[in-house]
N, C-alpha and C. Protein backbone atom coordinates (compact mmCIF):
# COMPACT_ATOMS: atom_id res chain seq x y z
N UNK A 1 92.02 129.61 81.53
CA UNK A 1 92.29 130.83 81.61
C UNK A 1 92.65 130.65 80.12
N UNK A 2 93.59 129.92 79.96
CA UNK A 2 94.17 129.73 78.31
C UNK A 2 92.90 129.76 77.27
N UNK A 3 91.79 129.28 77.63
CA UNK A 3 90.42 129.33 76.74
C UNK A 3 90.03 130.70 77.03
N UNK A 4 89.59 131.01 77.72
CA UNK A 4 89.73 132.88 77.58
C UNK A 4 90.27 133.41 76.63
N UNK A 5 91.76 133.38 77.40
CA UNK A 5 92.35 134.13 76.33
C UNK A 5 92.48 133.97 74.83
N UNK A 6 91.91 132.79 74.75
CA UNK A 6 91.92 132.90 73.29
C UNK A 6 90.56 133.42 72.54
N UNK A 7 89.18 132.89 73.36
CA UNK A 7 88.22 133.52 72.69
C UNK A 7 88.24 135.14 73.13
N UNK A 8 88.90 135.88 73.68
CA UNK A 8 89.16 137.51 73.77
C UNK A 8 90.26 137.48 73.02
N UNK A 9 90.77 136.70 72.03
CA UNK A 9 91.54 137.23 71.14
C UNK A 9 93.35 137.62 71.57
N UNK A 10 93.20 137.16 72.77
CA UNK A 10 94.31 137.46 73.41
C UNK A 10 95.79 136.74 72.72
N UNK A 11 95.22 135.55 72.60
CA UNK A 11 95.97 134.69 72.33
C UNK A 11 95.63 133.75 71.18
N UNK A 12 96.43 133.32 69.87
CA UNK A 12 95.83 132.59 68.82
C UNK A 12 95.54 131.03 69.23
N UNK A 13 95.95 131.00 69.57
CA UNK A 13 96.28 129.77 69.77
C UNK A 13 96.08 129.00 71.17
N UNK A 14 95.50 127.79 72.06
CA UNK A 14 95.93 127.35 73.15
C UNK A 14 97.66 126.53 73.29
N UNK A 15 98.70 127.43 73.84
CA UNK A 15 99.96 125.98 73.56
C UNK A 15 99.76 124.64 73.98
N UNK A 16 99.96 124.06 74.06
CA UNK A 16 100.40 122.66 74.07
C UNK A 16 101.37 122.32 75.20
N UNK A 17 100.81 121.99 76.82
CA UNK A 17 101.80 122.23 77.87
C UNK A 17 102.08 120.64 77.95
N UNK A 18 103.15 120.04 77.88
CA UNK A 18 103.19 118.81 78.52
C UNK A 18 103.99 118.85 79.75
N UNK A 19 103.49 118.37 80.84
CA UNK A 19 104.25 118.40 82.28
C UNK A 19 105.16 117.48 82.35
N UNK A 20 106.50 117.92 82.86
CA UNK A 20 107.96 117.10 83.07
C UNK A 20 107.41 115.83 84.19
N UNK A 21 107.98 114.48 83.71
CA UNK A 21 107.83 113.52 84.41
C UNK A 21 108.58 113.74 86.14
N UNK A 22 107.41 113.56 87.17
CA UNK A 22 107.67 113.80 88.56
C UNK A 22 108.37 112.51 89.20
N UNK A 23 109.36 112.90 89.49
CA UNK A 23 110.63 112.01 89.53
C UNK A 23 110.07 111.23 91.28
N UNK A 24 110.03 110.01 91.45
CA UNK A 24 109.51 109.62 92.96
C UNK A 24 107.98 108.56 92.90
N UNK A 25 107.20 109.16 91.32
CA UNK A 25 105.99 108.43 91.39
C UNK A 25 105.81 107.21 90.91
N UNK A 26 107.23 106.52 90.26
CA UNK A 26 107.43 105.72 89.87
C UNK A 26 108.11 104.55 90.56
N UNK A 27 108.44 104.74 91.70
CA UNK A 27 109.38 104.08 92.15
C UNK A 27 109.43 103.82 94.08
N UNK A 28 109.02 103.14 94.52
CA UNK A 28 108.69 102.45 95.77
C UNK A 28 109.73 102.54 96.85
N UNK A 29 109.68 102.61 97.94
CA UNK A 29 110.52 102.43 98.92
C UNK A 29 110.27 100.94 99.83
N UNK A 30 110.75 99.85 98.73
CA UNK A 30 110.38 99.00 99.48
C UNK A 30 110.97 98.46 100.97
N UNK A 31 110.47 97.44 101.73
CA UNK A 31 111.07 96.84 103.05
C UNK A 31 112.54 97.06 103.13
N UNK A 32 113.52 96.68 102.29
CA UNK A 32 114.90 96.35 102.13
C UNK A 32 115.84 97.77 101.93
N UNK A 33 114.81 98.45 101.33
CA UNK A 33 115.79 99.77 101.18
C UNK A 33 114.99 100.43 102.56
N UNK A 34 114.04 100.64 102.71
CA UNK A 34 113.59 101.38 104.12
C UNK A 34 114.54 101.04 105.44
N UNK A 35 114.78 99.92 105.58
CA UNK A 35 115.59 99.12 106.32
C UNK A 35 117.09 99.59 106.31
N UNK A 36 117.64 100.14 105.32
CA UNK A 36 119.16 100.74 105.12
C UNK A 36 118.77 101.72 105.25
N UNK A 37 117.70 102.50 104.76
CA UNK A 37 117.88 104.03 105.14
C UNK A 37 117.68 104.42 106.66
N UNK A 38 116.86 103.39 107.30
CA UNK A 38 116.52 103.74 108.88
C UNK A 38 117.50 103.45 109.59
N UNK A 39 118.17 102.22 109.24
CA UNK A 39 119.10 101.70 110.24
C UNK A 39 120.17 102.82 109.88
N UNK A 40 120.72 103.27 109.00
CA UNK A 40 121.84 104.48 108.77
C UNK A 40 121.63 105.57 109.54
N UNK A 41 120.12 106.20 109.74
CA UNK A 41 119.73 107.06 110.38
C UNK A 41 119.74 107.23 111.97
N UNK A 42 119.82 105.54 112.44
CA UNK A 42 119.37 105.45 113.60
C UNK A 42 121.11 105.47 114.25
N UNK A 43 122.18 105.90 113.59
CA UNK A 43 123.25 105.75 113.79
C UNK A 43 123.45 106.84 114.62
N UNK A 44 123.89 106.67 116.04
CA UNK A 44 124.20 107.47 117.04
C UNK A 44 125.15 108.87 116.57
N UNK A 45 125.21 110.55 116.39
CA UNK A 45 126.19 110.95 115.76
C UNK A 45 126.20 112.25 116.89
N UNK A 46 127.55 112.18 117.39
CA UNK A 46 127.79 113.57 118.77
C UNK A 46 127.54 114.64 117.89
N UNK A 47 127.60 114.94 116.30
CA UNK A 47 127.68 116.43 115.77
C UNK A 47 126.19 117.03 116.35
N UNK A 48 125.96 118.12 116.50
CA UNK A 48 124.63 118.37 116.79
C UNK A 48 123.90 118.34 115.62
N UNK A 49 124.58 118.85 114.74
CA UNK A 49 124.02 119.63 113.05
C UNK A 49 123.39 118.34 112.44
N UNK A 50 124.62 117.43 112.37
CA UNK A 50 124.79 116.09 111.89
C UNK A 50 123.22 115.31 112.22
N UNK A 51 123.07 115.16 114.00
CA UNK A 51 122.06 114.68 114.42
C UNK A 51 120.95 115.10 114.20
N UNK A 52 120.68 116.58 114.27
CA UNK A 52 119.49 116.86 113.93
C UNK A 52 119.48 116.68 112.29
N UNK A 53 119.97 116.76 111.48
CA UNK A 53 119.88 116.44 109.98
C UNK A 53 119.57 114.87 109.98
N UNK A 54 119.88 114.13 111.02
CA UNK A 54 119.52 112.69 111.04
C UNK A 54 117.93 112.38 111.35
N UNK A 55 117.70 112.84 112.35
CA UNK A 55 116.53 113.44 112.85
C UNK A 55 115.27 113.73 112.35
N UNK A 56 115.83 114.82 111.31
CA UNK A 56 114.98 115.05 110.41
C UNK A 56 114.08 114.59 109.02
N UNK A 57 115.66 113.73 108.64
CA UNK A 57 115.04 112.24 107.63
C UNK A 57 114.50 111.35 108.19
N UNK A 58 114.91 111.06 109.24
CA UNK A 58 114.19 109.88 109.82
C UNK A 58 112.40 109.94 110.29
N UNK A 59 112.40 111.15 110.30
CA UNK A 59 110.79 111.53 110.88
C UNK A 59 110.14 112.03 109.90
N UNK A 60 110.67 112.43 108.83
CA UNK A 60 110.29 112.86 107.27
C UNK A 60 109.82 111.11 106.94
N UNK A 61 110.78 110.52 107.00
CA UNK A 61 110.20 109.39 106.09
C UNK A 61 109.36 108.84 106.95
N UNK A 62 109.09 108.70 108.00
CA UNK A 62 108.04 108.05 108.51
C UNK A 62 106.56 108.58 108.22
N UNK A 63 107.03 109.83 108.61
CA UNK A 63 105.77 110.71 108.31
C UNK A 63 105.04 110.54 106.98
N UNK A 64 105.96 110.54 106.02
CA UNK A 64 105.14 110.53 104.43
C UNK A 64 104.59 109.50 104.37
N UNK A 65 105.70 107.66 104.39
CA UNK A 65 105.32 106.57 104.04
C UNK A 65 103.75 106.16 104.92
N UNK A 66 103.77 107.14 106.44
CA UNK A 66 102.49 106.25 106.91
C UNK A 66 101.50 107.03 106.72
N UNK A 67 101.55 108.59 106.62
CA UNK A 67 100.18 109.39 105.91
C UNK A 67 99.96 109.97 104.78
N UNK A 68 101.34 109.83 103.80
CA UNK A 68 100.89 110.00 102.59
C UNK A 68 100.98 111.58 101.95
N UNK A 69 101.52 112.59 103.26
CA UNK A 69 101.63 113.58 102.86
C UNK A 69 102.68 114.16 101.90
N UNK A 70 102.41 114.92 101.32
CA UNK A 70 103.65 115.90 100.05
C UNK A 70 104.72 116.18 101.47
N UNK A 71 106.05 116.42 100.47
CA UNK A 71 106.31 116.77 101.18
C UNK A 71 106.71 118.05 101.92
N UNK A 72 105.90 118.90 100.94
CA UNK A 72 105.64 120.15 101.21
C UNK A 72 104.53 120.46 102.66
N UNK A 73 103.71 119.86 102.54
CA UNK A 73 103.17 119.68 103.28
C UNK A 73 103.49 119.46 105.03
N UNK A 74 104.07 118.22 104.96
CA UNK A 74 104.97 117.89 106.41
C UNK A 74 105.73 118.97 107.02
N UNK A 75 106.72 119.74 105.78
CA UNK A 75 107.59 120.60 106.19
C UNK A 75 106.67 122.06 107.13
N UNK A 76 105.59 121.95 106.78
CA UNK A 76 104.39 123.08 107.42
C UNK A 76 103.36 122.58 108.41
N UNK A 77 104.01 121.40 109.01
CA UNK A 77 103.17 120.88 110.10
C UNK A 77 103.15 121.90 111.32
N UNK A 78 102.13 122.42 111.85
CA UNK A 78 101.98 123.40 113.14
C UNK A 78 101.83 122.11 114.36
N UNK A 79 102.65 122.10 115.45
CA UNK A 79 102.31 121.41 116.38
C UNK A 79 100.88 121.47 116.68
N UNK A 80 99.85 122.60 116.77
CA UNK A 80 98.54 122.17 117.58
C UNK A 80 97.40 122.01 116.31
N UNK A 81 98.14 121.80 115.21
CA UNK A 81 97.46 120.36 114.41
C UNK A 81 97.53 119.59 114.12
N UNK A 82 98.18 118.61 115.45
CA UNK A 82 98.73 117.24 115.59
C UNK A 82 97.36 117.34 116.61
N UNK A 83 96.42 116.06 116.52
CA UNK A 83 95.90 115.58 116.89
C UNK A 83 96.07 113.84 117.64
N UNK A 84 96.71 114.15 118.79
CA UNK A 84 97.25 112.62 119.47
C UNK A 84 96.05 111.94 119.84
N UNK A 85 94.69 112.32 120.34
CA UNK A 85 93.79 111.71 120.30
C UNK A 85 93.09 110.83 119.87
N UNK A 86 93.07 111.52 118.62
CA UNK A 86 92.36 110.79 117.20
C UNK A 86 93.46 110.41 116.39
N UNK A 87 94.31 110.27 116.22
CA UNK A 87 95.63 110.15 115.79
C UNK A 87 95.35 110.53 114.40
N UNK A 88 95.52 111.93 113.81
CA UNK A 88 95.21 112.51 113.15
C UNK A 88 95.90 113.70 112.60
N UNK A 89 96.49 114.17 111.50
CA UNK A 89 96.91 115.58 111.78
C UNK A 89 96.04 116.92 110.76
N UNK A 90 95.95 117.85 110.96
CA UNK A 90 95.12 118.78 110.18
C UNK A 90 96.08 119.36 108.84
N UNK A 91 95.95 119.42 107.95
CA UNK A 91 96.96 119.91 106.90
C UNK A 91 95.63 121.06 106.22
N UNK A 92 96.08 122.46 106.51
CA UNK A 92 95.15 123.42 106.19
C UNK A 92 95.77 123.88 105.16
N UNK A 93 97.03 123.36 104.11
CA UNK A 93 97.49 124.19 102.96
C UNK A 93 97.03 123.14 101.81
N UNK A 94 96.80 124.11 100.39
CA UNK A 94 96.69 123.32 99.42
C UNK A 94 95.67 124.62 98.74
N UNK A 95 95.43 124.42 97.36
CA UNK A 95 94.75 125.25 96.36
C UNK A 95 93.11 124.94 96.34
N UNK A 96 93.16 123.18 96.61
CA UNK A 96 91.54 123.34 96.89
C UNK A 96 91.17 122.34 97.94
N UNK A 97 90.16 122.36 98.15
CA UNK A 97 89.42 121.83 99.71
C UNK A 97 89.70 120.23 99.87
N UNK A 98 90.24 119.54 98.79
CA UNK A 98 90.67 118.46 98.67
C UNK A 98 91.96 118.23 98.98
N UNK A 99 92.84 119.11 98.89
CA UNK A 99 94.10 119.44 99.74
C UNK A 99 94.24 119.95 101.20
N UNK A 100 93.00 120.52 101.48
CA UNK A 100 92.97 120.52 102.75
C UNK A 100 92.39 119.59 103.72
N UNK A 101 92.77 118.87 104.46
CA UNK A 101 92.34 117.50 105.01
C UNK A 101 92.98 117.04 106.02
N UNK A 102 92.35 116.14 107.07
CA UNK A 102 92.85 115.23 107.95
C UNK A 102 93.33 114.36 107.17
N UNK A 103 94.55 113.71 107.66
CA UNK A 103 95.70 112.76 107.52
C UNK A 103 95.78 111.64 108.59
N UNK A 104 95.98 110.53 108.33
CA UNK A 104 95.69 109.42 109.43
C UNK A 104 97.37 109.22 110.18
N UNK A 105 97.09 108.84 111.25
CA UNK A 105 98.56 108.94 111.97
C UNK A 105 98.70 107.56 112.65
N UNK A 106 99.69 107.08 112.00
CA UNK A 106 99.87 105.44 112.26
C UNK A 106 100.94 105.23 113.58
N UNK A 107 100.51 104.21 114.70
CA UNK A 107 101.41 103.96 115.88
C UNK A 107 103.15 104.20 116.03
N UNK A 108 103.47 104.41 114.73
CA UNK A 108 105.19 104.53 114.74
C UNK A 108 105.15 105.83 114.40
N UNK A 109 104.14 106.76 113.71
CA UNK A 109 104.01 108.03 113.42
C UNK A 109 104.24 108.64 114.81
N UNK A 110 102.85 108.08 115.55
CA UNK A 110 102.57 108.98 116.83
C UNK A 110 104.08 108.65 117.80
N UNK A 111 104.41 107.67 118.19
CA UNK A 111 105.69 107.69 118.97
C UNK A 111 106.77 109.04 118.42
N UNK A 112 107.00 108.53 116.97
CA UNK A 112 108.16 110.17 116.48
C UNK A 112 107.68 111.26 116.70
N UNK A 113 106.58 111.26 115.78
CA UNK A 113 105.89 112.97 116.60
C UNK A 113 105.90 113.35 117.88
N UNK A 114 105.73 112.47 119.11
CA UNK A 114 105.87 112.65 120.60
C UNK A 114 106.88 113.53 120.90
N UNK A 115 108.18 112.44 120.53
CA UNK A 115 109.33 112.80 120.25
C UNK A 115 109.71 113.89 120.20
N UNK A 116 109.25 114.42 118.33
CA UNK A 116 109.81 115.20 118.22
C UNK A 116 109.17 116.67 118.84
N UNK A 117 107.69 116.28 118.95
CA UNK A 117 107.07 117.72 119.61
C UNK A 117 107.99 117.99 120.80
N UNK A 118 107.94 116.84 121.77
CA UNK A 118 108.72 117.07 123.19
C UNK A 118 107.19 118.00 124.18
N UNK A 119 107.71 119.23 124.62
CA UNK A 119 107.04 120.10 125.86
C UNK A 119 106.45 120.85 124.80
N UNK A 120 106.66 121.01 123.58
CA UNK A 120 106.05 122.54 122.85
C UNK A 120 104.61 122.04 123.15
N UNK A 121 103.99 123.23 122.43
CA UNK A 121 102.51 123.50 122.52
C UNK A 121 102.19 123.95 120.84
N UNK A 122 103.01 124.62 120.32
CA UNK A 122 102.85 125.30 118.96
C UNK A 122 103.83 125.54 118.24
N UNK A 123 103.93 125.90 117.17
CA UNK A 123 104.47 126.72 116.56
C UNK A 123 105.10 125.30 115.29
N UNK A 124 106.00 125.34 114.64
CA UNK A 124 106.57 124.40 113.34
C UNK A 124 106.78 122.75 114.19
N UNK A 125 106.66 122.42 113.56
CA UNK A 125 107.21 120.61 113.63
C UNK A 125 108.99 120.36 113.29
N UNK A 126 108.75 121.52 112.46
CA UNK A 126 110.09 121.07 112.02
C UNK A 126 110.94 122.88 111.71
N UNK A 127 111.07 123.28 112.58
CA UNK A 127 111.52 124.84 112.62
C UNK A 127 112.76 124.48 112.43
N UNK A 128 112.80 125.64 111.59
CA UNK A 128 114.63 126.34 111.14
C UNK A 128 114.89 127.79 111.13
N UNK A 129 115.88 128.19 111.76
CA UNK A 129 116.46 129.12 112.03
C UNK A 129 117.05 129.51 110.91
N UNK A 130 117.33 128.89 110.08
CA UNK A 130 117.96 129.29 108.60
C UNK A 130 117.21 129.76 107.46
N UNK A 131 115.61 129.37 107.46
CA UNK A 131 114.61 129.59 106.52
C UNK A 131 113.66 130.71 106.87
N UNK A 132 113.73 131.25 105.99
CA UNK A 132 112.57 133.01 106.09
C UNK A 132 111.41 132.39 106.06
N UNK A 133 111.03 131.64 106.03
CA UNK A 133 109.99 130.68 106.31
C UNK A 133 109.78 130.54 108.07
N UNK A 134 110.84 130.38 108.29
CA UNK A 134 110.76 129.78 109.79
C UNK A 134 110.93 128.53 110.19
N UNK A 135 110.06 127.45 109.12
CA UNK A 135 110.30 126.01 108.89
C UNK A 135 111.46 125.43 107.94
N UNK A 136 111.41 124.43 108.16
CA UNK A 136 112.29 123.48 107.18
C UNK A 136 111.67 123.48 105.78
N UNK A 137 112.20 123.70 104.68
CA UNK A 137 111.49 123.85 103.00
C UNK A 137 112.17 122.68 102.45
N UNK A 138 113.16 121.92 102.62
CA UNK A 138 113.74 120.81 101.81
C UNK A 138 114.38 120.12 102.55
N UNK A 139 114.84 118.82 102.22
CA UNK A 139 115.82 117.78 102.87
C UNK A 139 116.53 117.06 101.71
N UNK A 140 116.40 117.90 100.49
CA UNK A 140 116.87 117.52 99.07
C UNK A 140 118.76 116.91 99.60
N UNK A 141 119.50 117.59 99.73
CA UNK A 141 120.52 117.63 100.29
C UNK A 141 121.18 116.40 101.55
N UNK A 142 120.48 116.26 102.09
CA UNK A 142 120.52 115.44 103.29
C UNK A 142 120.09 113.92 102.76
N UNK A 143 118.86 113.83 101.79
CA UNK A 143 118.98 112.91 101.40
C UNK A 143 119.27 112.28 100.51
N UNK A 144 120.35 113.37 99.55
CA UNK A 144 120.69 112.63 98.67
C UNK A 144 122.33 111.91 99.01
N UNK A 145 123.15 112.68 100.56
CA UNK A 145 124.17 112.44 101.38
C UNK A 145 123.25 110.56 101.43
N UNK A 146 122.32 110.47 102.25
CA UNK A 146 122.25 109.18 102.55
C UNK A 146 121.92 108.15 101.58
N UNK A 147 121.47 108.85 100.30
CA UNK A 147 121.70 107.80 99.38
C UNK A 147 123.23 107.18 99.08
N UNK A 148 123.40 107.96 99.19
CA UNK A 148 125.50 107.92 98.87
C UNK A 148 125.85 107.27 99.46
N UNK A 149 125.49 107.32 101.19
CA UNK A 149 126.16 106.44 102.27
C UNK A 149 125.36 105.11 102.11
N UNK A 150 124.16 105.04 102.14
CA UNK A 150 123.66 102.96 101.66
C UNK A 150 123.67 102.55 100.38
N UNK A 151 124.09 103.33 99.58
CA UNK A 151 123.89 102.87 97.57
C UNK A 151 122.33 102.42 97.31
N UNK A 152 121.53 103.61 97.76
CA UNK A 152 120.29 103.19 97.39
C UNK A 152 120.06 103.77 96.04
N UNK A 153 119.38 103.60 95.33
CA UNK A 153 119.41 103.93 93.93
C UNK A 153 118.77 105.53 93.96
N UNK A 154 119.05 106.61 92.66
CA UNK A 154 119.22 107.99 92.80
C UNK A 154 118.07 108.04 92.46
N UNK A 155 116.72 107.00 92.08
CA UNK A 155 115.53 107.27 91.65
C UNK A 155 114.80 106.90 93.05
N UNK A 156 115.20 106.87 93.99
CA UNK A 156 114.37 107.15 95.32
C UNK A 156 114.87 108.28 96.21
N UNK A 157 113.13 109.62 95.88
CA UNK A 157 113.80 110.64 95.79
C UNK A 157 112.46 110.68 97.40
N UNK A 158 112.55 112.01 97.79
CA UNK A 158 111.59 111.83 99.37
C UNK A 158 110.19 111.99 98.58
N UNK A 159 110.01 112.14 97.59
CA UNK A 159 108.55 112.05 97.12
C UNK A 159 108.17 110.66 97.47
N UNK A 160 108.80 109.53 96.60
CA UNK A 160 108.86 108.27 96.51
C UNK A 160 108.11 107.94 97.84
N UNK A 161 108.35 108.15 99.12
CA UNK A 161 107.87 108.15 100.38
C UNK A 161 106.33 108.33 100.44
N UNK A 162 105.58 109.01 99.56
CA UNK A 162 104.65 109.31 99.30
C UNK A 162 103.99 108.76 98.47
N UNK A 163 104.52 108.13 97.70
CA UNK A 163 104.03 107.18 96.58
C UNK A 163 103.67 105.77 96.93
N UNK A 164 104.51 105.32 98.15
CA UNK A 164 104.88 104.40 98.57
C UNK A 164 103.86 104.42 99.72
N UNK A 165 103.05 104.83 99.78
CA UNK A 165 102.01 105.20 101.29
C UNK A 165 100.81 104.55 100.07
N UNK A 166 100.36 105.45 99.15
CA UNK A 166 99.61 105.49 97.93
C UNK A 166 99.42 104.19 97.69
N UNK A 167 100.54 103.52 97.20
CA UNK A 167 100.15 102.42 96.64
C UNK A 167 100.32 101.39 97.20
N UNK A 168 100.69 100.86 99.17
CA UNK A 168 100.59 99.64 99.56
C UNK A 168 98.84 100.17 100.17
N UNK A 169 98.47 101.51 100.19
CA UNK A 169 97.24 101.90 100.60
C UNK A 169 96.23 101.29 100.04
N UNK A 170 96.30 101.48 98.08
CA UNK A 170 95.70 101.59 97.48
C UNK A 170 95.54 99.97 97.40
N UNK A 171 96.70 98.72 97.91
CA UNK A 171 96.69 97.47 97.55
C UNK A 171 96.50 97.12 98.63
N UNK A 172 96.19 97.56 99.67
CA UNK A 172 95.76 96.55 100.83
C UNK A 172 94.04 97.02 101.03
N UNK A 173 93.80 98.41 100.64
CA UNK A 173 91.80 98.49 101.15
C UNK A 173 91.53 98.46 99.55
N UNK A 174 92.02 98.87 98.45
CA UNK A 174 90.81 98.40 97.48
C UNK A 174 90.18 99.94 96.83
N UNK A 175 90.25 100.52 98.02
CA UNK A 175 89.63 101.83 98.07
C UNK A 175 90.09 102.97 98.02
N UNK A 176 89.77 103.61 96.23
CA UNK A 176 90.33 104.51 95.52
C UNK A 176 89.56 105.56 96.29
N UNK A 177 88.50 105.54 96.37
CA UNK A 177 88.70 106.80 96.87
C UNK A 177 88.44 107.55 98.64
N UNK A 178 88.71 106.72 99.08
CA UNK A 178 89.21 106.74 100.71
C UNK A 178 90.56 107.32 100.81
N UNK A 179 91.47 106.58 99.80
CA UNK A 179 92.95 106.65 99.45
C UNK A 179 93.46 108.35 98.90
N UNK A 180 92.20 108.55 97.90
CA UNK A 180 92.28 109.71 97.66
C UNK A 180 91.77 110.85 97.70
N UNK A 181 90.95 110.71 98.79
CA UNK A 181 90.71 112.02 99.89
C UNK A 181 91.87 111.77 100.91
N UNK A 182 92.80 110.74 101.42
CA UNK A 182 93.41 111.14 102.42
C UNK A 182 94.93 111.45 101.96
N UNK A 183 95.06 111.39 100.75
CA UNK A 183 96.18 112.11 100.33
C UNK A 183 95.92 113.14 99.44
N UNK A 184 94.65 113.78 99.36
CA UNK A 184 94.42 115.22 98.81
C UNK A 184 94.56 115.47 97.24
N UNK A 185 93.80 113.97 97.11
CA UNK A 185 93.54 114.23 94.83
C UNK A 185 92.13 114.64 94.96
N UNK A 186 92.02 115.60 94.24
CA UNK A 186 90.81 116.02 93.40
C UNK A 186 90.28 115.30 92.71
N UNK A 187 91.27 114.40 92.07
CA UNK A 187 90.63 113.83 90.89
C UNK A 187 91.37 112.25 91.06
N UNK A 188 90.42 111.11 90.92
CA UNK A 188 90.66 109.98 91.23
C UNK A 188 91.72 109.46 89.71
N UNK A 189 91.58 110.45 88.66
CA UNK A 189 92.61 110.04 87.94
C UNK A 189 93.91 109.55 88.55
N UNK A 190 93.74 110.37 88.96
CA UNK A 190 95.89 110.83 89.62
C UNK A 190 96.06 109.55 91.00
N UNK A 191 95.16 108.62 90.81
CA UNK A 191 95.40 107.62 91.69
C UNK A 191 96.20 106.03 90.73
N UNK A 192 95.95 106.44 89.04
CA UNK A 192 96.49 105.56 88.20
C UNK A 192 97.61 105.03 88.52
N UNK A 193 98.52 105.94 89.02
CA UNK A 193 100.10 106.04 89.33
C UNK A 193 100.18 104.80 90.43
N UNK A 194 98.99 104.67 91.65
CA UNK A 194 99.20 104.13 92.77
C UNK A 194 98.77 102.78 92.44
N UNK A 195 98.51 102.08 91.34
CA UNK A 195 97.53 101.02 91.00
C UNK A 195 98.44 100.18 90.51
N UNK A 196 99.32 99.00 91.97
CA UNK A 196 100.26 97.94 91.74
C UNK A 196 99.27 96.80 92.21
N UNK A 197 98.88 96.17 90.81
CA UNK A 197 98.19 94.86 91.44
C UNK A 197 99.17 93.69 91.61
N UNK A 198 99.31 93.01 92.44
CA UNK A 198 100.22 92.11 92.70
C UNK A 198 99.41 90.75 91.72
N UNK A 199 100.63 90.25 90.89
CA UNK A 199 100.20 88.80 90.21
C UNK A 199 99.32 87.70 91.10
N UNK A 200 99.81 87.45 91.73
CA UNK A 200 99.63 86.53 93.10
C UNK A 200 97.99 87.20 93.22
N UNK A 201 97.48 88.11 93.56
CA UNK A 201 96.07 88.21 93.57
C UNK A 201 95.02 88.03 92.38
N UNK A 202 95.80 88.43 91.18
CA UNK A 202 94.65 88.12 89.89
C UNK A 202 95.43 86.66 90.03
N UNK A 203 96.09 85.73 90.20
CA UNK A 203 95.84 84.40 89.64
C UNK A 203 95.54 83.52 90.65
N UNK A 204 95.10 84.15 91.89
CA UNK A 204 94.20 83.66 92.80
C UNK A 204 92.80 83.96 92.21
N UNK A 205 92.35 85.02 91.71
CA UNK A 205 91.04 85.02 91.33
C UNK A 205 90.37 84.66 90.26
N UNK A 206 91.56 83.62 89.29
CA UNK A 206 91.15 82.90 88.13
C UNK A 206 91.20 81.77 89.12
N UNK A 207 91.70 81.59 90.02
CA UNK A 207 91.56 79.71 90.61
C UNK A 207 90.50 79.67 90.95
N UNK A 208 89.96 80.85 91.94
CA UNK A 208 88.96 80.49 92.65
C UNK A 208 87.62 80.76 91.39
N UNK A 209 87.61 81.62 89.87
CA UNK A 209 86.85 81.37 89.14
C UNK A 209 86.62 79.84 88.63
N UNK A 210 87.98 79.29 88.25
CA UNK A 210 88.19 78.04 87.64
C UNK A 210 87.94 76.72 88.62
N UNK A 211 88.06 77.01 89.63
CA UNK A 211 87.42 75.78 90.96
C UNK A 211 85.68 76.01 90.76
N UNK A 212 85.06 76.95 90.86
CA UNK A 212 83.82 77.11 90.76
C UNK A 212 83.00 76.57 89.71
N UNK A 213 83.64 76.88 88.66
CA UNK A 213 83.64 76.47 87.38
C UNK A 213 83.27 74.90 87.28
N UNK A 214 84.62 74.48 87.44
CA UNK A 214 84.79 72.74 87.78
C UNK A 214 83.50 72.50 88.98
N UNK A 215 83.45 73.11 90.12
CA UNK A 215 82.33 72.46 90.60
C UNK A 215 80.83 72.33 89.73
N UNK A 216 81.05 73.33 89.14
CA UNK A 216 79.36 73.64 88.57
C UNK A 216 79.03 72.41 87.24
N UNK A 217 80.11 72.29 86.69
CA UNK A 217 80.71 71.13 85.53
C UNK A 217 80.38 69.65 86.10
N UNK A 218 80.95 69.13 87.34
CA UNK A 218 80.98 68.47 88.16
C UNK A 218 79.53 67.87 88.36
N UNK A 219 78.81 68.92 88.60
CA UNK A 219 77.29 68.72 89.24
C UNK A 219 76.58 68.42 88.33
N UNK A 220 76.74 68.82 86.95
CA UNK A 220 75.84 68.75 86.00
C UNK A 220 76.61 67.30 85.33
N UNK A 221 77.20 66.62 85.39
CA UNK A 221 77.77 65.51 84.89
C UNK A 221 77.11 64.63 86.01
N UNK A 222 76.84 64.85 87.27
CA UNK A 222 76.38 63.98 87.98
C UNK A 222 74.90 63.84 88.05
N UNK A 223 74.08 64.68 87.66
CA UNK A 223 73.02 64.63 87.56
C UNK A 223 72.60 63.76 86.02
N UNK A 224 73.56 63.75 85.16
CA UNK A 224 72.91 63.31 84.00
C UNK A 224 73.54 61.77 84.29
């Protein structure tokens, strides 16, 4: 659109736009951090509102880490779009066809969703009477309080859970296209942030190459 505006002499030149760094894309929720968060959220609480908030945070983290959904997509999950039989969720939201997709459901996620859904057949997975949309729209304050209680770094944000999914899925499968589709990325260049190669895997690759070369060298010397 900016190019068209310049072509039609509506603007003199196309402004250079630099996007701010998205927090959470460079920080994983490692096993130790996850254990701290889940342990805190699992503590029984008698207060209704506080208990609901803890349950929302716990379920949010489970869904985000096990499916790679964006926070906004998780908040807009409708019960009728949850397919327990095929263990997947239909996410109809997004500006591009790639964003509208099925996302995977782990066994842990399935169990959490079963409890949250209960006997309901339709409606929002995370309903909220306080919101104009009828569903939860943010857990930022609750997550900040959770970080303060557990001593987790402030660099860990709700979006970090999605980044954790992308990083581990890429490392485990190496299938950039499958992971990109599951996460709703239209451009595979967006997957660069999730490529975290282990030094052990690189070292093993070189060791295998050296071992093969040594075997070839020995066979040559044996023939001579």
